[in-house]
Amino acid sequence: MAGIKNIVNYSPSRSDPLFRAFLKGEISENQFWKKTLPGYNIGFLKSAVRELFIVKSPEIPDIVKKLKENNYKVGLLSDHAKEWAEYTEEKFRLKSLFDSCVYSCDVGAVKFSHGKDNNDSLMFETIENKLEVAPDECVFIDDSAKNLKTAEKRGMKTIKFENSEQLIRDLRGLQTLI
C-alpha cells in the first residue's frame, strides 16, 4: 500500500528535464518510468496513469461542435508523450472532434519553456499552420496561466479554463458565436 500511495502522490514537474524529454518524444514511456520510479512494475505504472485520463468537463465536445457549426476552426494543442497521445486518441477519438491535433511529442517542444528551451512557440506555430490562421485570429484556451502567457506573447487572445459555463461566458465576451 505504501508504494501505491507514493505513486498517487508523485506528480512530475513540467520543469523536470526527464519529464520534458518524455513529453517532447525524446524518450519512451518505459525509459521515463525506469528512470523516474526504478523498481516499480512498469505495466502497473502505465495502467495507473491511464486511469487518470478522463474528460474533466463532459460538455467540451458539445462546445467544440458548436464552434465548428459556427465556422470556427478548432484545434487541440497538448503536452502529451507519444504513448499517452495514442491512448487518449484510442479512448476519446479526439482527431475526429478537432480540425487538427498537435501533441508535444510530435513536434519536439512543449507549450511553455520554463526558460530552458527557446522553442516554446513551436507548438503554437504548428497549430497555426495546420489550421491556416494567424495568431491574432486565435483564441487559446488552457487551464495553465503559464501556457496562456506564451500564447499572449504570440498575439493570441486567451481564456483561462475553469469550467464549461465560465468558458462559454468568456467566449461570448469575445463576441464568439456559440
C-alpha atoms as a PDB file:
ATOM      1  CA  MET A   1       0.000   0.000   0.000  1.00  0.00           C
ATOM      2  CA  ALA A   2       2.812   2.451   0.753  1.00  0.00           C
ATOM      3  CA  GLY A   3       4.039   2.042  -2.845  1.00  0.00           C
ATOM      4  CA  ILE A   4       0.620   2.921  -4.271  1.00  0.00           C
ATOM      5  CA  LYS A   5       0.424   5.992  -2.029  1.00  0.00           C
ATOM      6  CA  ASN A   6       3.843   7.142  -3.282  1.00  0.00           C
ATOM      7  CA  ILE A   7       2.727   6.761  -6.892  1.00  0.00           C
ATOM      8  CA  VAL A   8      -0.514   8.632  -6.275  1.00  0.00           C
ATOM      9  CA  ASN A   9       1.439  11.462  -4.646  1.00  0.00           C
ATOM     10  CA  TYR A  10       4.011  11.527  -7.450  1.00  0.00           C
ATOM     11  CA  SER A  11       3.453  14.427  -9.796  1.00  0.00           C
ATOM     12  CA  PRO A  12       6.292  15.286 -12.164  1.00  0.00           C
ATOM     13  CA  SER A  13       7.093  18.939 -12.620  1.00  0.00           C
ATOM     14  CA  ARG A  14       6.995  20.272 -16.154  1.00  0.00           C
ATOM     15  CA  SER A  15      10.363  21.844 -15.408  1.00  0.00           C
ATOM     16  CA  ASP A  16      11.873  18.385 -14.726  1.00  0.00           C
ATOM     17  CA  PRO A  17      14.228  17.700 -17.679  1.00  0.00           C
ATOM     18  CA  LEU A  18      13.354  13.991 -17.758  1.00  0.00           C
ATOM     19  CA  PHE A  19       9.607  14.658 -17.859  1.00  0.00           C
ATOM     20  CA  ARG A  20      10.111  17.311 -20.524  1.00  0.00           C
ATOM     21  CA  ALA A  21      12.158  14.844 -22.599  1.00  0.00           C
ATOM     22  CA  PHE A  22       9.301  12.347 -22.272  1.00  0.00           C
ATOM     23  CA  LEU A  23       6.662  14.903 -23.312  1.00  0.00           C
ATOM     24  CA  LYS A  24       8.800  16.024 -26.252  1.00  0.00           C
ATOM     25  CA  GLY A  25       9.130  12.454 -27.546  1.00  0.00           C
ATOM     26  CA  GLU A  26      12.851  12.194 -26.805  1.00  0.00           C
ATOM     27  CA  ILE A  27      12.459   9.142 -24.553  1.00  0.00           C
ATOM     28  CA  SER A  28       9.835   6.407 -24.364  1.00  0.00           C
ATOM     29  CA  GLU A  29       7.353   5.853 -21.570  1.00  0.00           C
ATOM     30  CA  ASN A  30       9.290   2.756 -20.462  1.00  0.00           C
ATOM     31  CA  GLN A  31      12.508   4.775 -20.245  1.00  0.00           C
ATOM     32  CA  PHE A  32      10.739   7.535 -18.317  1.00  0.00           C
ATOM     33  CA  TRP A  33       9.288   5.177 -15.693  1.00  0.00           C
ATOM     34  CA  LYS A  34      12.515   3.184 -15.335  1.00  0.00           C
ATOM     35  CA  LYS A  35      14.461   6.359 -14.573  1.00  0.00           C
ATOM     36  CA  THR A  36      11.742   8.096 -12.544  1.00  0.00           C
ATOM     37  CA  LEU A  37      10.474   5.288 -10.312  1.00  0.00           C
ATOM     38  CA  PRO A  38      13.035   2.469 -10.571  1.00  0.00           C
ATOM     39  CA  GLY A  39      11.923  -0.820  -9.142  1.00  0.00           C
ATOM     40  CA  TYR A  40       8.215  -0.284  -9.780  1.00  0.00           C
ATOM     41  CA  ASN A  41       6.271  -2.504 -12.158  1.00  0.00           C
ATOM     42  CA  ILE A  42       6.139  -0.504 -15.390  1.00  0.00           C
ATOM     43  CA  GLY A  43       2.937  -2.194 -16.553  1.00  0.00           C
ATOM     44  CA  PHE A  44       1.257  -1.175 -13.303  1.00  0.00           C
ATOM     45  CA  LEU A  45       2.518   2.409 -13.626  1.00  0.00           C
ATOM     46  CA  LYS A  46       1.245   2.691 -17.193  1.00  0.00           C
ATOM     47  CA  SER A  47      -2.139   1.321 -16.203  1.00  0.00           C
ATOM     48  CA  ALA A  48      -2.386   3.607 -13.159  1.00  0.00           C
ATOM     49  CA  VAL A  49      -1.580   6.702 -15.226  1.00  0.00           C
ATOM     50  CA  ARG A  50      -4.103   5.790 -17.912  1.00  0.00           C
ATOM     51  CA  GLU A  51      -6.829   5.573 -15.279  1.00  0.00           C
ATOM     52  CA  LEU A  52      -6.261   9.298 -14.692  1.00  0.00           C
ATOM     53  CA  PHE A  53      -7.120  10.192 -18.299  1.00  0.00           C
ATOM     54  CA  ILE A  54     -10.706  11.370 -18.023  1.00  0.00           C
ATOM     55  CA  VAL A  55     -12.819  14.075 -19.606  1.00  0.00           C
ATOM     56  CA  LYS A  56     -12.763  16.845 -16.983  1.00  0.00           C
ATOM     57  CA  SER A  57     -15.768  18.605 -18.481  1.00  0.00           C
ATOM     58  CA  PRO A  58     -18.127  16.367 -20.455  1.00  0.00           C
ATOM     59  CA  GLU A  59     -19.617  19.454 -22.134  1.00  0.00           C
ATOM     60  CA  ILE A  60     -16.394  20.231 -24.016  1.00  0.00           C
ATOM     61  CA  PRO A  61     -17.188  18.062 -27.074  1.00  0.00           C
ATOM     62  CA  ASP A  62     -20.527  19.878 -27.457  1.00  0.00           C
ATOM     63  CA  ILE A  63     -18.797  23.261 -27.172  1.00  0.00           C
ATOM     64  CA  VAL A  64     -16.272  22.241 -29.832  1.00  0.00           C
ATOM     65  CA  LYS A  65     -19.055  21.008 -32.139  1.00  0.00           C
ATOM     66  CA  LYS A  66     -20.999  24.258 -31.661  1.00  0.00           C
ATOM     67  CA  LEU A  67     -17.911  26.337 -32.503  1.00  0.00           C
ATOM     68  CA  LYS A  68     -17.331  24.270 -35.642  1.00  0.00           C
ATOM     69  CA  GLU A  69     -21.008  24.641 -36.646  1.00  0.00           C
ATOM     70  CA  ASN A  70     -20.403  28.399 -36.499  1.00  0.00           C
ATOM     71  CA  ASN A  71     -17.439  28.041 -38.886  1.00  0.00           C
ATOM     72  CA  TYR A  72     -14.644  28.316 -36.330  1.00  0.00           C
ATOM     73  CA  LYS A  73     -11.574  26.168 -36.790  1.00  0.00           C
ATOM     74  CA  VAL A  74     -10.860  24.309 -33.551  1.00  0.00           C
ATOM     75  CA  GLY A  75      -7.520  22.729 -32.751  1.00  0.00           C
ATOM     76  CA  LEU A  76      -6.094  20.778 -29.851  1.00  0.00           C
ATOM     77  CA  LEU A  77      -2.652  21.680 -28.524  1.00  0.00           C
ATOM     78  CA  SER A  78      -1.470  19.254 -25.854  1.00  0.00           C
ATOM     79  CA  ASP A  79       1.687  18.410 -23.931  1.00  0.00           C
ATOM     80  CA  HIS A  80       1.480  14.640 -24.285  1.00  0.00           C
ATOM     81  CA  ALA A  81       4.010  11.860 -24.642  1.00  0.00           C
ATOM     82  CA  LYS A  82       3.650   9.593 -27.682  1.00  0.00           C
ATOM     83  CA  GLU A  83       2.158   6.675 -25.772  1.00  0.00           C
ATOM     84  CA  TRP A  84      -0.280   8.931 -23.916  1.00  0.00           C
ATOM     85  CA  ALA A  85      -1.387  10.654 -27.126  1.00  0.00           C
ATOM     86  CA  GLU A  86      -2.028   7.259 -28.735  1.00  0.00           C
ATOM     87  CA  TYR A  87      -4.005   6.090 -25.703  1.00  0.00           C
ATOM     88  CA  THR A  88      -6.153   9.231 -25.475  1.00  0.00           C
ATOM     89  CA  GLU A  89      -6.851   9.094 -29.213  1.00  0.00           C
ATOM     90  CA  GLU A  90      -7.980   5.488 -28.917  1.00  0.00           C
ATOM     91  CA  LYS A  91     -10.147   6.253 -25.882  1.00  0.00           C
ATOM     92  CA  PHE A  92     -11.592   9.675 -26.805  1.00  0.00           C
ATOM     93  CA  ARG A  93     -11.197   9.903 -30.629  1.00  0.00           C
ATOM     94  CA  LEU A  94     -10.016  13.498 -30.403  1.00  0.00           C
ATOM     95  CA  LYS A  95      -8.866  13.695 -34.017  1.00  0.00           C
ATOM     96  CA  SER A  96     -12.469  13.241 -35.140  1.00  0.00           C
ATOM     97  CA  LEU A  97     -13.604  16.104 -32.883  1.00  0.00           C
ATOM     98  CA  PHE A  98     -10.947  18.722 -33.680  1.00  0.00           C
ATOM     99  CA  ASP A  99      -9.851  20.141 -37.017  1.00  0.00           C
ATOM    100  CA  SER A 100      -6.240  19.471 -36.029  1.00  0.00           C
ATOM    101  CA  CYS A 101      -4.415  17.974 -33.040  1.00  0.00           C
ATOM    102  CA  VAL A 102      -0.814  18.871 -32.188  1.00  0.00           C
ATOM    103  CA  TYR A 103       0.994  16.963 -29.469  1.00  0.00           C
ATOM    104  CA  SER A 104       4.301  17.958 -27.915  1.00  0.00           C
ATOM    105  CA  CYS A 105       5.773  14.550 -28.752  1.00  0.00           C
ATOM    106  CA  ASP A 106       5.136  15.137 -32.457  1.00  0.00           C
ATOM    107  CA  VAL A 107       6.907  18.500 -32.641  1.00  0.00           C
ATOM    108  CA  GLY A 108       9.627  18.014 -30.007  1.00  0.00           C
ATOM    109  CA  ALA A 109       8.506  21.005 -27.948  1.00  0.00           C
ATOM    110  CA  VAL A 110       6.165  21.845 -25.082  1.00  0.00           C
ATOM    111  CA  LYS A 111       3.772  24.790 -24.661  1.00  0.00           C
ATOM    112  CA  PHE A 112       5.833  26.586 -22.007  1.00  0.00           C
ATOM    113  CA  SER A 113       9.618  26.624 -21.991  1.00  0.00           C
ATOM    114  CA  HIS A 114      10.286  27.211 -18.265  1.00  0.00           C
ATOM    115  CA  GLY A 115      13.251  29.219 -19.520  1.00  0.00           C
ATOM    116  CA  LYS A 116      15.013  26.014 -20.548  1.00  0.00           C
ATOM    117  CA  ASP A 117      14.360  25.994 -24.294  1.00  0.00           C
ATOM    118  CA  ASN A 118      13.795  28.627 -26.866  1.00  0.00           C
ATOM    119  CA  ASN A 119      11.179  26.698 -28.813  1.00  0.00           C
ATOM    120  CA  ASP A 120       8.047  27.228 -26.712  1.00  0.00           C
ATOM    121  CA  SER A 121       6.383  28.896 -29.722  1.00  0.00           C
ATOM    122  CA  LEU A 122       6.903  25.852 -31.951  1.00  0.00           C
ATOM    123  CA  MET A 123       3.700  24.092 -30.872  1.00  0.00           C
ATOM    124  CA  PHE A 124       1.708  27.271 -31.405  1.00  0.00           C
ATOM    125  CA  GLU A 125       3.274  27.874 -34.825  1.00  0.00           C
ATOM    126  CA  THR A 126       2.493  24.284 -35.800  1.00  0.00           C
ATOM    127  CA  ILE A 127      -1.220  24.509 -34.921  1.00  0.00           C
ATOM    128  CA  GLU A 128      -1.494  27.936 -36.594  1.00  0.00           C
ATOM    129  CA  ASN A 129      -0.016  26.477 -39.788  1.00  0.00           C
ATOM    130  CA  LYS A 130      -2.223  23.397 -39.709  1.00  0.00           C
ATOM    131  CA  LEU A 131      -5.360  25.491 -39.178  1.00  0.00           C
ATOM    132  CA  GLU A 132      -4.113  28.185 -41.597  1.00  0.00           C
ATOM    133  CA  VAL A 133      -4.731  31.029 -39.135  1.00  0.00           C
ATOM    134  CA  ALA A 134      -2.695  33.945 -37.805  1.00  0.00           C
ATOM    135  CA  PRO A 135      -2.082  34.300 -34.056  1.00  0.00           C
ATOM    136  CA  ASP A 136      -4.354  37.349 -33.810  1.00  0.00           C
ATOM    137  CA  GLU A 137      -7.207  35.229 -35.218  1.00  0.00           C
ATOM    138  CA  CYS A 138      -6.859  32.681 -32.412  1.00  0.00           C
ATOM    139  CA  VAL A 139      -8.402  32.232 -29.002  1.00  0.00           C
ATOM    140  CA  PHE A 140      -6.203  29.955 -26.903  1.00  0.00           C
ATOM    141  CA  ILE A 141      -7.926  28.180 -24.012  1.00  0.00           C
ATOM    142  CA  ASP A 142      -5.884  26.445 -21.315  1.00  0.00           C
ATOM    143  CA  ASP A 143      -6.042  25.712 -17.599  1.00  0.00           C
ATOM    144  CA  SER A 144      -2.422  26.829 -17.088  1.00  0.00           C
ATOM    145  CA  ALA A 145      -1.565  30.521 -16.734  1.00  0.00           C
ATOM    146  CA  LYS A 146       1.998  29.796 -17.923  1.00  0.00           C
ATOM    147  CA  ASN A 147       0.720  28.368 -21.198  1.00  0.00           C
ATOM    148  CA  LEU A 148      -1.538  31.389 -21.636  1.00  0.00           C
ATOM    149  CA  LYS A 149       1.465  33.720 -21.371  1.00  0.00           C
ATOM    150  CA  THR A 150       3.189  32.002 -24.288  1.00  0.00           C
ATOM    151  CA  ALA A 151       0.034  32.346 -26.393  1.00  0.00           C
ATOM    152  CA  GLU A 152      -0.354  36.010 -25.415  1.00  0.00           C
ATOM    153  CA  LYS A 153       3.261  36.682 -26.453  1.00  0.00           C
ATOM    154  CA  ARG A 154       2.332  35.343 -29.887  1.00  0.00           C
ATOM    155  CA  GLY A 155      -0.620  37.750 -30.118  1.00  0.00           C
ATOM    156  CA  MET A 156      -3.428  35.316 -29.339  1.00  0.00           C
ATOM    157  CA  LYS A 157      -6.453  36.128 -27.224  1.00  0.00           C
ATOM    158  CA  THR A 158      -6.566  33.799 -24.216  1.00  0.00           C
ATOM    159  CA  ILE A 159      -9.068  32.282 -21.807  1.00  0.00           C
ATOM    160  CA  LYS A 160      -8.085  30.518 -18.607  1.00  0.00           C
ATOM    161  CA  PHE A 161     -10.315  27.458 -18.388  1.00  0.00           C
ATOM    162  CA  GLU A 162     -12.044  26.877 -15.050  1.00  0.00           C
ATOM    163  CA  ASN A 163     -15.262  25.131 -16.111  1.00  0.00           C
ATOM    164  CA  SER A 164     -17.587  24.858 -19.109  1.00  0.00           C
ATOM    165  CA  GLU A 165     -20.027  27.565 -18.012  1.00  0.00           C
ATOM    166  CA  GLN A 166     -17.211  30.075 -17.495  1.00  0.00           C
ATOM    167  CA  LEU A 167     -15.696  29.119 -20.861  1.00  0.00           C
ATOM    168  CA  ILE A 168     -18.959  29.792 -22.689  1.00  0.00           C
ATOM    169  CA  ARG A 169     -19.334  33.159 -20.902  1.00  0.00           C
ATOM    170  CA  ASP A 170     -15.765  34.149 -21.776  1.00  0.00           C
ATOM    171  CA  LEU A 171     -16.155  33.075 -25.416  1.00  0.00           C
ATOM    172  CA  ARG A 172     -19.340  35.136 -25.693  1.00  0.00           C
ATOM    173  CA  GLY A 173     -17.468  38.047 -24.109  1.00  0.00           C
ATOM    174  CA  LEU A 174     -15.065  37.859 -27.051  1.00  0.00           C
ATOM    175  CA  GLN A 175     -18.062  38.033 -29.423  1.00  0.00           C
ATOM    176  CA  THR A 176     -17.561  34.380 -30.326  1.00  0.00           C
ATOM    177  CA  LEU A 177     -20.664  32.771 -31.792  1.00  0.00           C
ATOM    178  CA  ILE A 178     -21.539  29.873 -29.534  1.00  0.00           C
END
